[in-house]
N, C-alpha and C. Protein backbone atom coordinates (compact mmCIF):
# COMPACT_ATOMS: atom_id res chain seq x y z
N UNK A 1 1.02 -1.07 0.10
CA UNK A 1 0.16 -0.19 0.15
C UNK A 1 0.95 1.24 -0.06
N UNK A 2 0.51 2.31 -0.73
CA UNK A 2 1.59 3.41 -0.43
C UNK A 2 0.56 4.37 -0.36
N UNK A 3 0.82 5.77 0.45
CA UNK A 3 0.04 6.74 0.90
C UNK A 3 0.80 8.12 0.39
N UNK A 4 -0.27 8.71 -0.32
CA UNK A 4 0.01 10.24 -0.59
C UNK A 4 -1.11 11.29 -0.01
N UNK A 5 -0.16 12.24 -0.42
CA UNK A 5 -0.94 13.90 0.25
C UNK A 5 -1.53 14.09 -0.88
N UNK A 6 -2.79 14.59 -1.00
CA UNK A 6 -3.30 15.33 -2.33
C UNK A 6 -3.78 16.63 -1.88
N UNK A 7 -3.93 17.94 -2.40
CA UNK A 7 -4.50 19.41 -2.15
C UNK A 7 -5.48 19.23 -3.29
N UNK A 8 -6.67 18.95 -2.79
CA UNK A 8 -8.00 19.22 -3.81
C UNK A 8 -8.38 20.74 -4.18
N UNK A 9 -8.02 20.98 -5.31
CA UNK A 9 -8.37 22.45 -6.13
C UNK A 9 -9.40 22.40 -6.48
N UNK A 10 -10.39 21.16 -7.04
CA UNK A 10 -11.47 21.49 -7.54
C UNK A 10 -12.56 20.53 -6.78
N UNK A 11 -13.96 21.50 -6.30
CA UNK A 11 -14.99 20.25 -5.53
C UNK A 11 -14.91 18.81 -6.37
N UNK A 12 -15.10 19.10 -7.69
CA UNK A 12 -15.73 17.67 -8.53
C UNK A 12 -14.53 16.66 -8.06
N UNK A 13 -13.09 17.03 -7.85
CA UNK A 13 -12.38 15.98 -7.73
C UNK A 13 -12.50 15.28 -6.22
N UNK A 14 -12.97 16.12 -5.62
CA UNK A 14 -13.42 15.25 -3.94
C UNK A 14 -14.74 14.09 -4.51
N UNK A 15 -15.64 14.64 -5.25
CA UNK A 15 -16.51 13.61 -5.50
C UNK A 15 -15.94 12.55 -6.04
N UNK A 16 -14.96 12.54 -6.91
CA UNK A 16 -14.52 11.68 -7.96
C UNK A 16 -13.59 10.57 -6.60
N UNK A 17 -12.84 11.25 -5.94
CA UNK A 17 -12.21 10.46 -4.86
C UNK A 17 -13.20 9.83 -3.80
N UNK A 18 -14.37 10.26 -3.44
CA UNK A 18 -15.24 9.42 -2.65
C UNK A 18 -16.02 8.52 -3.45
N UNK A 19 -16.24 8.43 -4.93
CA UNK A 19 -16.48 7.71 -5.87
C UNK A 19 -15.50 6.14 -5.73
N UNK A 20 -14.21 6.75 -5.62
CA UNK A 20 -13.42 5.73 -5.86
C UNK A 20 -13.22 5.00 -4.38
N UNK A 21 -13.50 5.31 -3.42
CA UNK A 21 -13.76 5.03 -2.33
C UNK A 21 -14.84 3.80 -1.94
N UNK A 22 -16.16 4.45 -2.33
CA UNK A 22 -17.25 3.63 -2.60
C UNK A 22 -16.77 2.39 -3.28
N UNK A 23 -16.16 2.57 -4.20
CA UNK A 23 -15.97 1.45 -5.23
C UNK A 23 -14.60 0.59 -4.27
N UNK A 24 -14.23 0.52 -3.07
CA UNK A 24 -13.36 0.15 -2.41
C UNK A 24 -12.01 -0.08 -3.15
N UNK A 25 -11.70 1.10 -4.04
CA UNK A 25 -10.48 1.16 -4.72
C UNK A 25 -9.23 2.08 -4.09
N UNK A 26 -9.78 2.93 -3.12
CA UNK A 26 -8.74 3.83 -2.29
C UNK A 26 -9.51 4.20 -0.81
N UNK A 27 -8.96 4.30 -0.09
CA UNK A 27 -9.12 4.24 1.32
C UNK A 27 -8.82 6.14 1.97
N UNK A 28 -9.94 6.81 2.01
CA UNK A 28 -9.69 7.99 2.43
C UNK A 28 -9.41 8.06 4.15
N UNK A 29 -8.22 8.84 4.40
CA UNK A 29 -7.95 9.18 5.92
C UNK A 29 -8.06 10.70 6.03
N UNK A 30 -8.94 11.18 7.21
CA UNK A 30 -8.58 12.34 7.01
C UNK A 30 -7.47 12.89 8.29
N UNK A 31 -6.70 13.83 8.10
CA UNK A 31 -5.51 14.02 8.95
C UNK A 31 -5.99 15.39 9.75
N UNK A 32 -5.07 15.59 11.10
CA UNK A 32 -5.41 16.81 11.46
C UNK A 32 -4.16 17.69 11.09
N UNK A 33 -4.09 18.91 10.81
CA UNK A 33 -3.13 19.43 10.39
C UNK A 33 -2.87 20.26 11.67
N UNK A 34 -1.09 20.00 12.08
CA UNK A 34 -0.77 21.05 13.11
C UNK A 34 -0.28 22.09 12.94
N UNK A 35 -0.27 22.78 13.86
CA UNK A 35 -0.20 24.39 13.34
C UNK A 35 1.49 24.29 13.49
N UNK A 36 1.72 25.67 12.66
CA UNK A 36 3.29 25.71 12.63
C UNK A 36 3.98 25.96 14.56
N UNK A 37 3.11 26.40 14.92
CA UNK A 37 3.31 26.63 16.28
C UNK A 37 3.24 25.67 17.12
N UNK A 38 2.33 24.88 17.30
CA UNK A 38 2.66 23.39 17.85
C UNK A 38 3.84 22.96 17.65
N UNK A 39 4.29 22.37 16.44
CA UNK A 39 5.19 21.99 15.88
C UNK A 39 6.70 22.48 16.51
N UNK A 40 6.63 23.78 16.79
CA UNK A 40 7.67 24.65 17.24
C UNK A 40 7.61 24.01 19.02
N UNK A 41 6.67 24.39 19.60
CA UNK A 41 6.36 24.18 21.04
C UNK A 41 7.00 22.65 20.87
N UNK A 42 6.34 21.78 20.24
CA UNK A 42 7.10 20.34 20.59
C UNK A 42 8.76 20.04 20.45
N UNK A 43 9.14 20.95 19.41
CA UNK A 43 10.51 20.98 19.17
C UNK A 43 11.17 21.78 20.26
N UNK A 44 10.76 22.77 20.97
CA UNK A 44 11.18 23.36 22.06
C UNK A 44 11.28 22.76 23.21
N UNK A 45 10.46 21.92 23.57
CA UNK A 45 9.85 21.10 24.54
C UNK A 45 11.06 20.00 24.55
N UNK A 46 11.35 19.26 23.38
CA UNK A 46 12.08 18.29 23.33
C UNK A 46 13.69 18.66 23.63
N UNK A 47 14.01 19.53 23.61
CA UNK A 47 15.17 20.02 23.79
C UNK A 47 15.21 20.25 25.43
N UNK A 48 14.66 20.53 25.87
CA UNK A 48 14.40 21.28 27.68
C UNK A 48 14.91 20.09 28.42
N UNK A 49 15.72 19.90 29.16
CA UNK A 49 16.47 18.64 30.02
C UNK A 49 15.10 18.38 31.01
N UNK A 50 14.44 19.44 31.35
CA UNK A 50 13.52 19.43 32.39
C UNK A 50 12.19 19.98 32.54
N UNK A 51 10.98 19.77 33.05
CA UNK A 51 9.90 20.74 32.88
C UNK A 51 9.99 21.99 33.61
N UNK A 52 9.11 22.98 32.94
CA UNK A 52 9.21 24.23 33.84
C UNK A 52 7.93 24.27 34.46
N UNK A 53 7.76 24.47 36.03
CA UNK A 53 6.57 24.54 36.80
C UNK A 53 5.70 25.85 36.32
N UNK A 54 4.58 25.72 36.86
CA UNK A 54 3.84 26.46 36.72
C UNK A 54 4.35 28.09 37.68
N UNK A 55 4.91 27.62 38.72
CA UNK A 55 5.32 28.78 39.55
C UNK A 55 6.32 29.57 38.87
N UNK A 56 7.43 28.61 37.98
CA UNK A 56 8.46 29.32 37.10
C UNK A 56 7.69 30.09 36.28
N UNK A 57 6.96 29.74 35.68
CA UNK A 57 6.14 30.59 34.24
C UNK A 57 5.54 31.82 34.81
N UNK A 58 4.91 31.65 36.24
CA UNK A 58 4.13 32.62 37.00
C UNK A 58 5.02 33.85 37.45
N UNK A 59 6.32 33.20 37.59
CA UNK A 59 7.36 33.96 38.46
C UNK A 59 7.85 34.98 37.04
N UNK A 60 8.18 34.35 35.68
CA UNK A 60 8.54 35.01 34.67
C UNK A 60 7.74 36.05 34.33
N UNK A 61 6.32 35.81 33.97
CA UNK A 61 5.34 36.60 33.47
C UNK A 61 5.38 37.99 34.38
N UNK A 62 5.40 37.62 35.74
CA UNK A 62 5.44 38.75 36.38
C UNK A 62 6.45 39.80 36.00
N UNK A 63 7.57 39.28 36.20
CA UNK A 63 8.59 40.01 35.99
C UNK A 63 8.87 40.71 34.58
N UNK A 64 8.11 40.21 33.77
CA UNK A 64 8.16 40.71 32.32
C UNK A 64 7.03 41.95 32.61
N UNK A 65 5.85 41.80 33.16
CA UNK A 65 4.96 43.02 33.32
C UNK A 65 5.39 44.03 34.35
N UNK A 66 6.22 43.61 35.25
CA UNK A 66 6.78 44.73 36.10
C UNK A 66 7.82 45.39 35.56
N UNK A 67 8.26 45.08 34.48
CA UNK A 67 9.57 45.75 33.29
C UNK A 67 8.77 46.39 32.49
N UNK A 68 7.60 45.99 31.92
CA UNK A 68 6.61 46.98 31.11
C UNK A 68 6.35 47.97 31.83
N UNK A 69 5.65 47.79 32.86
CA UNK A 69 5.31 49.04 33.73
C UNK A 69 5.81 49.96 33.97
N UNK A 70 6.76 49.56 34.55
CA UNK A 70 7.90 50.74 35.05
C UNK A 70 8.23 51.55 34.11
N UNK A 71 8.17 51.47 32.58
CA UNK A 71 8.28 52.15 31.72
C UNK A 71 7.78 53.42 31.44
């Protein structure tokens, strides 16, 4: 079995693909597209040796807020 990704440009092509699926010639699998941000986030998390706690995140956010409002 071979898997390919197809970008459908014309709605008529989608109908043809559905007809092929009805004839059991092809199988249509819907996939969820990950956003670029999600992929970047996973990449950054993979590089981190340890998890960041909620308290550490909160402290960093408060530092940034404080520095912004002092200006």
